[in-house]
Amino acid sequence: MTISKHQRGFTLIEVLVALAIVGVALAACVRALGVGTHGVRNMQERSLAQQAAQNFLAEMRLQAMLPALGRRTQACPQGTLALRCEQVVLATPNPAFRRVTVRVSLSKGPVLAQLDGLMSGVR
């Protein structure tokens, strides 16, 4: 068997180096895709939480009553998320108005959205 001095092709080491480079590039792509998916999910949760807070304040305004001072928590599901709305009502210098803060979070999770508003009992 004679071996030509000018053989063409890749050596085993060259092929292994190329495979390692491709493997690292694919791992980076998978990681970037995972981070992007996580970001989209977080944005969807925050968007639904903002809608829940807006709905909560709108319901309070439609009641046309001066809300009682204090804090209360209730479920406020939005879409597929089981959200929790915390309402904090504080007095203002004008007794005809109340400051209302609505904080929305997942159960036992961080606050996803917070919305402040003024309420009055007079239409």
PDB file of N, CA and C in Angstrom:
ATOM      1  N   MET A   1       0.839  -1.159   0.000  1.00  0.00           N
ATOM      2  CA  MET A   1       0.000   0.000   0.000  1.00  0.00           C
ATOM      3  C   MET A   1       0.894   1.234   0.000  1.00  0.00           C
ATOM      4  N   THR A   2       0.715   2.057  -0.997  1.00  0.00           N
ATOM      5  CA  THR A   2       1.534   3.253  -1.110  1.00  0.00           C
ATOM      6  C   THR A   2       0.724   4.466  -0.679  1.00  0.00           C
ATOM      7  N   ILE A   3       1.362   5.360   0.041  1.00  0.00           N
ATOM      8  CA  ILE A   3       0.697   6.573   0.518  1.00  0.00           C
ATOM      9  C   ILE A   3       1.260   7.741  -0.266  1.00  0.00           C
ATOM     10  N   SER A   4       0.392   8.470  -0.871  1.00  0.00           N
ATOM     11  CA  SER A   4       0.806   9.629  -1.647  1.00  0.00           C
ATOM     12  C   SER A   4       1.184  10.755  -0.713  1.00  0.00           C
ATOM     13  N   LYS A   5       2.175  11.513  -1.075  1.00  0.00           N
ATOM     14  CA  LYS A   5       2.637  12.614  -0.246  1.00  0.00           C
ATOM     15  C   LYS A   5       1.656  13.787  -0.246  1.00  0.00           C
ATOM     16  N   HIS A   6       0.787  13.870  -1.193  1.00  0.00           N
ATOM     17  CA  HIS A   6      -0.116  15.011  -1.322  1.00  0.00           C
ATOM     18  C   HIS A   6      -1.577  14.579  -1.154  1.00  0.00           C
ATOM     19  N   GLN A   7      -1.893  13.902  -0.080  1.00  0.00           N
ATOM     20  CA  GLN A   7      -3.277  13.491   0.148  1.00  0.00           C
ATOM     21  C   GLN A   7      -4.116  14.695   0.525  1.00  0.00           C
ATOM     22  N   ARG A   8      -5.365  14.662   0.115  1.00  0.00           N
ATOM     23  CA  ARG A   8      -6.277  15.742   0.467  1.00  0.00           C
ATOM     24  C   ARG A   8      -7.298  15.195   1.448  1.00  0.00           C
ATOM     25  N   GLY A   9      -7.828  16.092   2.314  1.00  0.00           N
ATOM     26  CA  GLY A   9      -8.824  15.699   3.296  1.00  0.00           C
ATOM     27  C   GLY A   9      -8.486  16.292   4.653  1.00  0.00           C
ATOM     28  N   PHE A  10      -9.313  15.939   5.630  1.00  0.00           N
ATOM     29  CA  PHE A  10      -9.145  16.478   6.976  1.00  0.00           C
ATOM     30  C   PHE A  10      -8.588  15.393   7.876  1.00  0.00           C
ATOM     31  N   THR A  11      -7.786  15.812   8.809  1.00  0.00           N
ATOM     32  CA  THR A  11      -7.297  14.861   9.791  1.00  0.00           C
ATOM     33  C   THR A  11      -8.354  14.713  10.881  1.00  0.00           C
ATOM     34  N   LEU A  12      -8.198  13.705  11.681  1.00  0.00           N
ATOM     35  CA  LEU A  12      -9.151  13.462  12.758  1.00  0.00           C
ATOM     36  C   LEU A  12      -9.175  14.632  13.740  1.00  0.00           C
ATOM     37  N   ILE A  13      -8.063  15.207  14.022  1.00  0.00           N
ATOM     38  CA  ILE A  13      -7.990  16.340  14.964  1.00  0.00           C
ATOM     39  C   ILE A  13      -8.735  17.545  14.399  1.00  0.00           C
ATOM     40  N   GLU A  14      -8.580  17.804  13.108  1.00  0.00           N
ATOM     41  CA  GLU A  14      -9.295  18.927  12.482  1.00  0.00           C
ATOM     42  C   GLU A  14     -10.809  18.724  12.562  1.00  0.00           C
ATOM     43  N   VAL A  15     -11.260  17.512  12.346  1.00  0.00           N
ATOM     44  CA  VAL A  15     -12.691  17.214  12.422  1.00  0.00           C
ATOM     45  C   VAL A  15     -13.188  17.391  13.858  1.00  0.00           C
ATOM     46  N   LEU A  16     -12.437  16.934  14.850  1.00  0.00           N
ATOM     47  CA  LEU A  16     -12.840  17.068  16.249  1.00  0.00           C
ATOM     48  C   LEU A  16     -12.879  18.535  16.674  1.00  0.00           C
ATOM     49  N   VAL A  17     -11.927  19.335  16.230  1.00  0.00           N
ATOM     50  CA  VAL A  17     -11.928  20.769  16.549  1.00  0.00           C
ATOM     51  C   VAL A  17     -13.155  21.438  15.925  1.00  0.00           C
ATOM     52  N   ALA A  18     -13.459  21.103  14.686  1.00  0.00           N
ATOM     53  CA  ALA A  18     -14.636  21.676  14.019  1.00  0.00           C
ATOM     54  C   ALA A  18     -15.916  21.273  14.748  1.00  0.00           C
ATOM     55  N   LEU A  19     -16.020  20.025  15.183  1.00  0.00           N
ATOM     56  CA  LEU A  19     -17.202  19.572  15.928  1.00  0.00           C
ATOM     57  C   LEU A  19     -17.316  20.285  17.271  1.00  0.00           C
ATOM     58  N   ALA A  20     -16.195  20.521  17.928  1.00  0.00           N
ATOM     59  CA  ALA A  20     -16.222  21.241  19.208  1.00  0.00           C
ATOM     60  C   ALA A  20     -16.716  22.670  18.999  1.00  0.00           C
ATOM     61  N   ILE A  21     -16.259  23.320  17.949  1.00  0.00           N
ATOM     62  CA  ILE A  21     -16.700  24.691  17.665  1.00  0.00           C
ATOM     63  C   ILE A  21     -18.192  24.714  17.364  1.00  0.00           C
ATOM     64  N   VAL A  22     -18.658  23.795  16.570  1.00  0.00           N
ATOM     65  CA  VAL A  22     -20.094  23.721  16.254  1.00  0.00           C
ATOM     66  C   VAL A  22     -20.899  23.432  17.518  1.00  0.00           C
ATOM     67  N   GLY A  23     -20.390  22.565  18.381  1.00  0.00           N
ATOM     68  CA  GLY A  23     -21.086  22.254  19.637  1.00  0.00           C
ATOM     69  C   GLY A  23     -21.213  23.463  20.542  1.00  0.00           C
ATOM     70  N   VAL A  24     -20.151  24.247  20.664  1.00  0.00           N
ATOM     71  CA  VAL A  24     -20.193  25.461  21.487  1.00  0.00           C
ATOM     72  C   VAL A  24     -21.183  26.469  20.893  1.00  0.00           C
ATOM     73  N   ALA A  25     -21.178  26.614  19.577  1.00  0.00           N
ATOM     74  CA  ALA A  25     -22.101  27.546  18.926  1.00  0.00           C
ATOM     75  C   ALA A  25     -23.561  27.110  19.134  1.00  0.00           C
ATOM     76  N   LEU A  26     -23.832  25.826  19.019  1.00  0.00           N
ATOM     77  CA  LEU A  26     -25.195  25.331  19.238  1.00  0.00           C
ATOM     78  C   LEU A  26     -25.628  25.520  20.691  1.00  0.00           C
ATOM     79  N   ALA A  27     -24.731  25.285  21.630  1.00  0.00           N
ATOM     80  CA  ALA A  27     -25.065  25.492  23.042  1.00  0.00           C
ATOM     81  C   ALA A  27     -25.389  26.956  23.312  1.00  0.00           C
ATOM     82  N   ALA A  28     -24.636  27.873  22.698  1.00  0.00           N
ATOM     83  CA  ALA A  28     -24.913  29.295  22.865  1.00  0.00           C
ATOM     84  C   ALA A  28     -26.270  29.663  22.275  1.00  0.00           C
ATOM     85  N   CYS A  29     -26.612  29.072  21.144  1.00  0.00           N
ATOM     86  CA  CYS A  29     -27.920  29.338  20.524  1.00  0.00           C
ATOM     87  C   CYS A  29     -29.064  28.832  21.402  1.00  0.00           C
ATOM     88  N   VAL A  30     -28.911  27.653  21.964  1.00  0.00           N
ATOM     89  CA  VAL A  30     -29.954  27.098  22.840  1.00  0.00           C
ATOM     90  C   VAL A  30     -30.117  27.966  24.084  1.00  0.00           C
ATOM     91  N   ARG A  31     -29.020  28.428  24.635  1.00  0.00           N
ATOM     92  CA  ARG A  31     -29.077  29.305  25.818  1.00  0.00           C
ATOM     93  C   ARG A  31     -29.781  30.619  25.485  1.00  0.00           C
ATOM     94  N   ALA A  32     -29.450  31.216  24.344  1.00  0.00           N
ATOM     95  CA  ALA A  32     -30.087  32.471  23.937  1.00  0.00           C
ATOM     96  C   ALA A  32     -31.575  32.271  23.723  1.00  0.00           C
ATOM     97  N   LEU A  33     -31.967  31.152  23.152  1.00  0.00           N
ATOM     98  CA  LEU A  33     -33.384  30.865  22.949  1.00  0.00           C
ATOM     99  C   LEU A  33     -34.107  30.715  24.280  1.00  0.00           C
ATOM    100  N   GLY A  34     -33.459  30.055  25.249  1.00  0.00           N
ATOM    101  CA  GLY A  34     -34.061  29.904  26.576  1.00  0.00           C
ATOM    102  C   GLY A  34     -34.249  31.235  27.279  1.00  0.00           C
ATOM    103  N   VAL A  35     -33.245  32.108  27.187  1.00  0.00           N
ATOM    104  CA  VAL A  35     -33.343  33.434  27.807  1.00  0.00           C
ATOM    105  C   VAL A  35     -34.457  34.239  27.147  1.00  0.00           C
ATOM    106  N   GLY A  36     -34.561  34.157  25.826  1.00  0.00           N
ATOM    107  CA  GLY A  36     -35.625  34.874  25.116  1.00  0.00           C
ATOM    108  C   GLY A  36     -37.006  34.382  25.505  1.00  0.00           C
ATOM    109  N   THR A  37     -37.168  33.079  25.630  1.00  0.00           N
ATOM    110  CA  THR A  37     -38.456  32.504  26.027  1.00  0.00           C
ATOM    111  C   THR A  37     -38.828  32.947  27.438  1.00  0.00           C
ATOM    112  N   HIS A  38     -37.858  32.958  28.337  1.00  0.00           N
ATOM    113  CA  HIS A  38     -38.106  33.395  29.711  1.00  0.00           C
ATOM    114  C   HIS A  38     -38.522  34.865  29.740  1.00  0.00           C
ATOM    115  N   GLY A  39     -37.879  35.688  28.930  1.00  0.00           N
ATOM    116  CA  GLY A  39     -38.223  37.109  28.862  1.00  0.00           C
ATOM    117  C   GLY A  39     -39.629  37.332  28.348  1.00  0.00           C
ATOM    118  N   VAL A  40     -40.030  36.564  27.359  1.00  0.00           N
ATOM    119  CA  VAL A  40     -41.392  36.687  26.817  1.00  0.00           C
ATOM    120  C   VAL A  40     -42.415  36.289  27.873  1.00  0.00           C
ATOM    121  N   ARG A  41     -42.149  35.218  28.612  1.00  0.00           N
ATOM    122  CA  ARG A  41     -43.072  34.775  29.658  1.00  0.00           C
ATOM    123  C   ARG A  41     -43.199  35.839  30.753  1.00  0.00           C
ATOM    124  N   ASN A  42     -42.071  36.430  31.158  1.00  0.00           N
ATOM    125  CA  ASN A  42     -42.121  37.495  32.169  1.00  0.00           C
ATOM    126  C   ASN A  42     -42.910  38.689  31.675  1.00  0.00           C
ATOM    127  N   MET A  43     -42.726  39.068  30.419  1.00  0.00           N
ATOM    128  CA  MET A  43     -43.450  40.210  29.861  1.00  0.00           C
ATOM    129  C   MET A  43     -44.952  39.917  29.805  1.00  0.00           C
ATOM    130  N   GLN A  44     -45.324  38.694  29.482  1.00  0.00           N
ATOM    131  CA  GLN A  44     -46.736  38.325  29.447  1.00  0.00           C
ATOM    132  C   GLN A  44     -47.341  38.398  30.852  1.00  0.00           C
ATOM    133  N   GLU A  45     -46.614  37.914  31.863  1.00  0.00           N
ATOM    134  CA  GLU A  45     -47.113  37.972  33.240  1.00  0.00           C
ATOM    135  C   GLU A  45     -47.293  39.417  33.687  1.00  0.00           C
ATOM    136  N   ARG A  46     -46.332  40.275  33.379  1.00  0.00           N
ATOM    137  CA  ARG A  46     -46.430  41.686  33.777  1.00  0.00           C
ATOM    138  C   ARG A  46     -47.577  42.390  33.046  1.00  0.00           C
ATOM    139  N   SER A  47     -47.765  42.058  31.793  1.00  0.00           N
ATOM    140  CA  SER A  47     -48.856  42.661  31.024  1.00  0.00           C
ATOM    141  C   SER A  47     -50.217  42.257  31.591  1.00  0.00           C
ATOM    142  N   LEU A  48     -50.381  40.978  31.905  1.00  0.00           N
ATOM    143  CA  LEU A  48     -51.642  40.522  32.490  1.00  0.00           C
ATOM    144  C   LEU A  48     -51.849  41.109  33.883  1.00  0.00           C
ATOM    145  N   ALA A  49     -50.773  41.280  34.644  1.00  0.00           N
ATOM    146  CA  ALA A  49     -50.884  41.882  35.970  1.00  0.00           C
ATOM    147  C   ALA A  49     -51.304  43.344  35.859  1.00  0.00           C
ATOM    148  N   GLN A  50     -50.773  44.064  34.875  1.00  0.00           N
ATOM    149  CA  GLN A  50     -51.170  45.463  34.659  1.00  0.00           C
ATOM    150  C   GLN A  50     -52.653  45.546  34.294  1.00  0.00           C
ATOM    151  N   GLN A  51     -53.118  44.653  33.460  1.00  0.00           N
ATOM    152  CA  GLN A  51     -54.541  44.626  33.103  1.00  0.00           C
ATOM    153  C   GLN A  51     -55.403  44.322  34.323  1.00  0.00           C
ATOM    154  N   ALA A  52     -54.950  43.411  35.167  1.00  0.00           N
ATOM    155  CA  ALA A  52     -55.708  43.084  36.372  1.00  0.00           C
ATOM    156  C   ALA A  52     -55.798  44.295  37.301  1.00  0.00           C
ATOM    157  N   ALA A  53     -54.710  45.042  37.450  1.00  0.00           N
ATOM    158  CA  ALA A  53     -54.716  46.238  38.303  1.00  0.00           C
ATOM    159  C   ALA A  53     -55.659  47.295  37.729  1.00  0.00           C
ATOM    160  N   GLN A  54     -55.633  47.495  36.428  1.00  0.00           N
ATOM    161  CA  GLN A  54     -56.527  48.461  35.790  1.00  0.00           C
ATOM    162  C   GLN A  54     -57.984  48.041  35.960  1.00  0.00           C
ATOM    163  N   ASN A  55     -58.264  46.767  35.806  1.00  0.00           N
ATOM    164  CA  ASN A  55     -59.630  46.272  35.999  1.00  0.00           C
ATOM    165  C   ASN A  55     -60.096  46.484  37.438  1.00  0.00           C
ATOM    166  N   PHE A  56     -59.199  46.239  38.381  1.00  0.00           N
ATOM    167  CA  PHE A  56     -59.533  46.396  39.796  1.00  0.00           C
ATOM    168  C   PHE A  56     -59.900  47.841  40.109  1.00  0.00           C
ATOM    169  N   LEU A  57     -59.082  48.793  39.622  1.00  0.00           N
ATOM    170  CA  LEU A  57     -59.393  50.213  39.851  1.00  0.00           C
ATOM    171  C   LEU A  57     -60.668  50.632  39.123  1.00  0.00           C
ATOM    172  N   ALA A  58     -60.883  50.105  37.935  1.00  0.00           N
ATOM    173  CA  ALA A  58     -62.106  50.445  37.191  1.00  0.00           C
ATOM    174  C   ALA A  58     -63.347  49.961  37.940  1.00  0.00           C
ATOM    175  N   GLU A  59     -63.294  48.768  38.505  1.00  0.00           N
ATOM    176  CA  GLU A  59     -64.428  48.261  39.282  1.00  0.00           C
ATOM    177  C   GLU A  59     -64.699  49.151  40.489  1.00  0.00           C
ATOM    178  N   MET A  60     -63.624  49.602  41.142  1.00  0.00           N
ATOM    179  CA  MET A  60     -63.807  50.478  42.305  1.00  0.00           C
ATOM    180  C   MET A  60     -64.452  51.803  41.886  1.00  0.00           C
ATOM    181  N   ARG A  61     -64.033  52.345  40.754  1.00  0.00           N
ATOM    182  CA  ARG A  61     -64.613  53.612  40.286  1.00  0.00           C
ATOM    183  C   ARG A  61     -66.084  53.439  39.928  1.00  0.00           C
ATOM    184  N   LEU A  62     -66.433  52.299  39.362  1.00  0.00           N
ATOM    185  CA  LEU A  62     -67.820  52.055  38.982  1.00  0.00           C
ATOM    186  C   LEU A  62     -68.740  51.907  40.191  1.00  0.00           C
ATOM    187  N   GLN A  63     -68.193  51.527  41.335  1.00  0.00           N
ATOM    188  CA  GLN A  63     -69.011  51.401  42.537  1.00  0.00           C
ATOM    189  C   GLN A  63     -69.451  52.766  43.056  1.00  0.00           C
ATOM    190  N   ALA A  64     -68.741  53.817  42.685  1.00  0.00           N
ATOM    191  CA  ALA A  64     -69.067  55.200  43.059  1.00  0.00           C
ATOM    192  C   ALA A  64     -69.233  55.372  44.568  1.00  0.00           C
ATOM    193  N   MET A  65     -68.428  54.651  45.323  1.00  0.00           N
ATOM    194  CA  MET A  65     -68.434  54.778  46.786  1.00  0.00           C
ATOM    195  C   MET A  65     -67.023  55.116  47.240  1.00  0.00           C
ATOM    196  N   LEU A  66     -66.950  55.857  48.324  1.00  0.00           N
ATOM    197  CA  LEU A  66     -65.649  56.162  48.902  1.00  0.00           C
ATOM    198  C   LEU A  66     -65.136  54.889  49.573  1.00  0.00           C
ATOM    199  N   PRO A  67     -63.999  54.334  49.124  1.00  0.00           N
ATOM    200  CA  PRO A  67     -63.534  53.071  49.704  1.00  0.00           C
ATOM    201  C   PRO A  67     -63.087  53.258  51.149  1.00  0.00           C
ATOM    202  N   ALA A  68     -63.252  52.211  51.925  1.00  0.00           N
ATOM    203  CA  ALA A  68     -62.848  52.237  53.334  1.00  0.00           C
ATOM    204  C   ALA A  68     -61.323  52.215  53.435  1.00  0.00           C
ATOM    205  N   LEU A  69     -60.805  52.899  54.449  1.00  0.00           N
ATOM    206  CA  LEU A  69     -59.365  52.926  54.675  1.00  0.00           C
ATOM    207  C   LEU A  69     -58.879  51.543  55.083  1.00  0.00           C
ATOM    208  N   GLY A  70     -57.664  51.237  54.709  1.00  0.00           N
ATOM    209  CA  GLY A  70     -57.074  49.966  55.128  1.00  0.00           C
ATOM    210  C   GLY A  70     -56.508  49.178  53.967  1.00  0.00           C
ATOM    211  N   ARG A  71     -56.235  47.928  54.268  1.00  0.00           N
ATOM    212  CA  ARG A  71     -55.598  47.033  53.302  1.00  0.00           C
ATOM    213  C   ARG A  71     -56.431  45.768  53.173  1.00  0.00           C
ATOM    214  N   ARG A  72     -56.573  45.303  51.947  1.00  0.00           N
ATOM    215  CA  ARG A  72     -57.259  44.029  51.758  1.00  0.00           C
ATOM    216  C   ARG A  72     -56.677  43.333  50.540  1.00  0.00           C
ATOM    217  N   THR A  73     -56.757  42.031  50.556  1.00  0.00           N
ATOM    218  CA  THR A  73     -56.207  41.213  49.481  1.00  0.00           C
ATOM    219  C   THR A  73     -57.288  40.292  48.960  1.00  0.00           C
ATOM    220  N   GLN A  74     -57.304  40.134  47.635  1.00  0.00           N
ATOM    221  CA  GLN A  74     -58.267  39.209  47.041  1.00  0.00           C
ATOM    222  C   GLN A  74     -57.691  38.643  45.750  1.00  0.00           C
ATOM    223  N   ALA A  75     -58.264  37.546  45.335  1.00  0.00           N
ATOM    224  CA  ALA A  75     -57.827  36.936  44.073  1.00  0.00           C
ATOM    225  C   ALA A  75     -58.339  37.771  42.907  1.00  0.00           C
ATOM    226  N   CYS A  76     -57.494  37.906  41.901  1.00  0.00           N
ATOM    227  CA  CYS A  76     -57.905  38.624  40.687  1.00  0.00           C
ATOM    228  C   CYS A  76     -57.300  37.912  39.481  1.00  0.00           C
ATOM    229  N   PRO A  77     -57.806  36.721  39.153  1.00  0.00           N
ATOM    230  CA  PRO A  77     -57.229  35.953  38.045  1.00  0.00           C
ATOM    231  C   PRO A  77     -57.345  36.710  36.724  1.00  0.00           C
ATOM    232  N   GLN A  78     -56.347  36.542  35.909  1.00  0.00           N
ATOM    233  CA  GLN A  78     -56.323  37.199  34.607  1.00  0.00           C
ATOM    234  C   GLN A  78     -55.740  36.203  33.617  1.00  0.00           C
ATOM    235  N   GLY A  79     -56.496  35.866  32.610  1.00  0.00           N
ATOM    236  CA  GLY A  79     -56.021  34.867  31.657  1.00  0.00           C
ATOM    237  C   GLY A  79     -55.817  33.538  32.363  1.00  0.00           C
ATOM    238  N   THR A  80     -54.660  32.960  32.160  1.00  0.00           N
ATOM    239  CA  THR A  80     -54.354  31.663  32.783  1.00  0.00           C
ATOM    240  C   THR A  80     -53.615  31.819  34.113  1.00  0.00           C
ATOM    241  N   LEU A  81     -53.371  33.066  34.536  1.00  0.00           N
ATOM    242  CA  LEU A  81     -52.602  33.300  35.760  1.00  0.00           C
ATOM    243  C   LEU A  81     -53.516  33.479  36.968  1.00  0.00           C
ATOM    244  N   ALA A  82     -53.151  32.873  38.068  1.00  0.00           N
ATOM    245  CA  ALA A  82     -53.857  33.056  39.336  1.00  0.00           C
ATOM    246  C   ALA A  82     -53.163  34.196  40.077  1.00  0.00           C
ATOM    247  N   LEU A  83     -53.627  35.414  39.838  1.00  0.00           N
ATOM    248  CA  LEU A  83     -53.006  36.590  40.430  1.00  0.00           C
ATOM    249  C   LEU A  83     -53.689  36.968  41.736  1.00  0.00           C
ATOM    250  N   ARG A  84     -52.963  37.733  42.549  1.00  0.00           N
ATOM    251  CA  ARG A  84     -53.470  38.226  43.826  1.00  0.00           C
ATOM    252  C   ARG A  84     -53.353  39.744  43.812  1.00  0.00           C
ATOM    253  N   CYS A  85     -54.464  40.440  44.091  1.00  0.00           N
ATOM    254  CA  CYS A  85     -54.486  41.903  44.128  1.00  0.00           C
ATOM    255  C   CYS A  85     -54.534  42.367  45.580  1.00  0.00           C
ATOM    256  N   GLU A  86     -53.605  43.243  45.921  1.00  0.00           N
ATOM    257  CA  GLU A  86     -53.596  43.849  47.244  1.00  0.00           C
ATOM    258  C   GLU A  86     -53.980  45.314  47.078  1.00  0.00           C
ATOM    259  N   GLN A  87     -55.011  45.718  47.799  1.00  0.00           N
ATOM    260  CA  GLN A  87     -55.511  47.094  47.737  1.00  0.00           C
ATOM    261  C   GLN A  87     -55.155  47.806  49.031  1.00  0.00           C
ATOM    262  N   VAL A  88     -54.511  48.964  48.914  1.00  0.00           N
ATOM    263  CA  VAL A  88     -54.172  49.779  50.079  1.00  0.00           C
ATOM    264  C   VAL A  88     -54.856  51.131  49.883  1.00  0.00           C
ATOM    265  N   VAL A  89     -55.742  51.490  50.817  1.00  0.00           N
ATOM    266  CA  VAL A  89     -56.478  52.750  50.739  1.00  0.00           C
ATOM    267  C   VAL A  89     -55.986  53.662  51.860  1.00  0.00           C
ATOM    268  N   LEU A  90     -55.526  54.855  51.475  1.00  0.00           N
ATOM    269  CA  LEU A  90     -55.011  55.832  52.432  1.00  0.00           C
ATOM    270  C   LEU A  90     -55.832  57.117  52.348  1.00  0.00           C
ATOM    271  N   ALA A  91     -55.875  57.831  53.463  1.00  0.00           N
ATOM    272  CA  ALA A  91     -56.577  59.117  53.491  1.00  0.00           C
ATOM    273  C   ALA A  91     -55.734  60.168  52.764  1.00  0.00           C
ATOM    274  N   THR A  92     -56.404  61.215  52.299  1.00  0.00           N
ATOM    275  CA  THR A  92     -55.737  62.359  51.673  1.00  0.00           C
ATOM    276  C   THR A  92     -56.109  63.611  52.464  1.00  0.00           C
ATOM    277  N   PRO A  93     -55.427  64.724  52.215  1.00  0.00           N
ATOM    278  CA  PRO A  93     -55.795  65.958  52.916  1.00  0.00           C
ATOM    279  C   PRO A  93     -57.244  66.383  52.662  1.00  0.00           C
ATOM    280  N   ASN A  94     -57.761  66.061  51.498  1.00  0.00           N
ATOM    281  CA  ASN A  94     -59.158  66.345  51.181  1.00  0.00           C
ATOM    282  C   ASN A  94     -59.987  65.122  51.581  1.00  0.00           C
ATOM    283  N   PRO A  95     -60.907  65.245  52.526  1.00  0.00           N
ATOM    284  CA  PRO A  95     -61.652  64.069  52.995  1.00  0.00           C
ATOM    285  C   PRO A  95     -62.586  63.459  51.941  1.00  0.00           C
ATOM    286  N   ALA A  96     -62.815  64.136  50.825  1.00  0.00           N
ATOM    287  CA  ALA A  96     -63.681  63.593  49.777  1.00  0.00           C
ATOM    288  C   ALA A  96     -62.929  62.642  48.843  1.00  0.00           C
ATOM    289  N   PHE A  97     -61.612  62.508  49.024  1.00  0.00           N
ATOM    290  CA  PHE A  97     -60.800  61.656  48.163  1.00  0.00           C
ATOM    291  C   PHE A  97     -60.017  60.648  48.990  1.00  0.00           C
ATOM    292  N   ARG A  98     -59.691  59.537  48.354  1.00  0.00           N
ATOM    293  CA  ARG A  98     -58.842  58.508  48.955  1.00  0.00           C
ATOM    294  C   ARG A  98     -57.790  58.101  47.931  1.00  0.00           C
ATOM    295  N   ARG A  99     -56.599  57.850  48.429  1.00  0.00           N
ATOM    296  CA  ARG A  99     -55.536  57.356  47.567  1.00  0.00           C
ATOM    297  C   ARG A  99     -55.563  55.834  47.611  1.00  0.00           C
ATOM    298  N   VAL A 100     -55.636  55.223  46.436  1.00  0.00           N
ATOM    299  CA  VAL A 100     -55.710  53.764  46.338  1.00  0.00           C
ATOM    300  C   VAL A 100     -54.490  53.253  45.577  1.00  0.00           C
ATOM    301  N   THR A 101     -53.831  52.283  46.174  1.00  0.00           N
ATOM    302  CA  THR A 101     -52.713  51.603  45.521  1.00  0.00           C
ATOM    303  C   THR A 101     -53.096  50.140  45.345  1.00  0.00           C
ATOM    304  N   VAL A 102     -52.938  49.642  44.128  1.00  0.00           N
ATOM    305  CA  VAL A 102     -53.214  48.239  43.832  1.00  0.00           C
ATOM    306  C   VAL A 102     -51.900  47.584  43.415  1.00  0.00           C
ATOM    307  N   ARG A 103     -51.523  46.540  44.137  1.00  0.00           N
ATOM    308  CA  ARG A 103     -50.326  45.762  43.818  1.00  0.00           C
ATOM    309  C   ARG A 103     -50.767  44.372  43.393  1.00  0.00           C
ATOM    310  N   VAL A 104     -50.273  43.929  42.264  1.00  0.00           N
ATOM    311  CA  VAL A 104     -50.654  42.620  41.726  1.00  0.00           C
ATOM    312  C   VAL A 104     -49.424  41.729  41.694  1.00  0.00           C
ATOM    313  N   SER A 105     -49.602  40.511  42.182  1.00  0.00           N
ATOM    314  CA  SER A 105     -48.493  39.555  42.189  1.00  0.00           C
ATOM    315  C   SER A 105     -49.033  38.151  42.010  1.00  0.00           C
ATOM    316  N   LEU A 106     -48.140  37.256  41.653  1.00  0.00           N
ATOM    317  CA  LEU A 106     -48.477  35.840  41.682  1.00  0.00           C
ATOM    318  C   LEU A 106     -48.512  35.425  43.146  1.00  0.00           C
ATOM    319  N   SER A 107     -49.205  34.346  43.451  1.00  0.00           N
ATOM    320  CA  SER A 107     -49.278  33.941  44.847  1.00  0.00           C
ATOM    321  C   SER A 107     -47.869  33.677  45.383  1.00  0.00           C
ATOM    322  N   LYS A 108     -47.528  34.362  46.474  1.00  0.00           N
ATOM    323  CA  LYS A 108     -46.224  34.263  47.132  1.00  0.00           C
ATOM    324  C   LYS A 108     -45.073  34.617  46.191  1.00  0.00           C
ATOM    325  N   GLY A 109     -45.300  35.588  45.337  1.00  0.00           N
ATOM    326  CA  GLY A 109     -44.256  36.004  44.406  1.00  0.00           C
ATOM    327  C   GLY A 109     -44.033  37.502  44.486  1.00  0.00           C
ATOM    328  N   PRO A 110     -43.100  38.006  43.691  1.00  0.00           N
ATOM    329  CA  PRO A 110     -42.844  39.441  43.695  1.00  0.00           C
ATOM    330  C   PRO A 110     -43.987  40.216  43.043  1.00  0.00           C
ATOM    331  N   VAL A 111     -44.039  41.513  43.327  1.00  0.00           N
ATOM    332  CA  VAL A 111     -45.068  42.374  42.734  1.00  0.00           C
ATOM    333  C   VAL A 111     -44.766  42.519  41.246  1.00  0.00           C
ATOM    334  N   LEU A 112     -45.759  42.188  40.421  1.00  0.00           N
ATOM    335  CA  LEU A 112     -45.597  42.287  38.978  1.00  0.00           C
ATOM    336  C   LEU A 112     -46.043  43.641  38.442  1.00  0.00           C
ATOM    337  N   ALA A 113     -47.036  44.246  39.110  1.00  0.00           N
ATOM    338  CA  ALA A 113     -47.549  45.547  38.670  1.00  0.00           C
ATOM    339  C   ALA A 113     -48.078  46.300  39.878  1.00  0.00           C
ATOM    340  N   GLN A 114     -47.935  47.613  39.825  1.00  0.00           N
ATOM    341  CA  GLN A 114     -48.487  48.482  40.869  1.00  0.00           C
ATOM    342  C   GLN A 114     -49.122  49.675  40.180  1.00  0.00           C
ATOM    343  N   LEU A 115     -50.327  50.020  40.629  1.00  0.00           N
ATOM    344  CA  LEU A 115     -51.070  51.124  40.036  1.00  0.00           C
ATOM    345  C   LEU A 115     -51.648  51.968  41.155  1.00  0.00           C
ATOM    346  N   ASP A 116     -51.463  53.284  41.071  1.00  0.00           N
ATOM    347  CA  ASP A 116     -51.998  54.217  42.054  1.00  0.00           C
ATOM    348  C   ASP A 116     -53.113  55.029  41.423  1.00  0.00           C
ATOM    349  N   GLY A 117     -54.092  55.404  42.255  1.00  0.00           N
ATOM    350  CA  GLY A 117     -55.180  56.236  41.766  1.00  0.00           C
ATOM    351  C   GLY A 117     -55.869  56.964  42.906  1.00  0.00           C
ATOM    352  N   LEU A 118     -56.667  57.937  42.523  1.00  0.00           N
ATOM    353  CA  LEU A 118     -57.492  58.675  43.502  1.00  0.00           C
ATOM    354  C   LEU A 118     -58.938  58.291  43.286  1.00  0.00           C
ATOM    355  N   MET A 119     -59.641  58.082  44.386  1.00  0.00           N
ATOM    356  CA  MET A 119     -61.051  57.724  44.325  1.00  0.00           C
ATOM    357  C   MET A 119     -61.857  58.757  45.086  1.00  0.00           C
ATOM    358  N   SER A 120     -63.047  59.003  44.593  1.00  0.00           N
ATOM    359  CA  SER A 120     -63.975  59.866  45.310  1.00  0.00           C
ATOM    360  C   SER A 120     -65.323  59.167  45.350  1.00  0.00           C
ATOM    361  N   GLY A 121     -66.097  59.508  46.343  1.00  0.00           N
ATOM    362  CA  GLY A 121     -67.416  58.897  46.477  1.00  0.00           C
ATOM    363  C   GLY A 121     -68.496  59.677  45.764  1.00  0.00           C
ATOM    364  N   VAL A 122     -68.163  60.814  45.189  1.00  0.00           N
ATOM    365  CA  VAL A 122     -69.164  61.674  44.545  1.00  0.00           C
ATOM    366  C   VAL A 122     -68.968  61.577  43.044  1.00  0.00           C
ATOM    367  N   ARG A 123     -70.077  61.430  42.319  1.00  0.00           N
ATOM    368  CA  ARG A 123     -70.005  61.379  40.856  1.00  0.00           C
ATOM    369  C   ARG A 123     -70.207  62.730  40.274  1.00  0.00           C
TER     370      ARG A 123
END
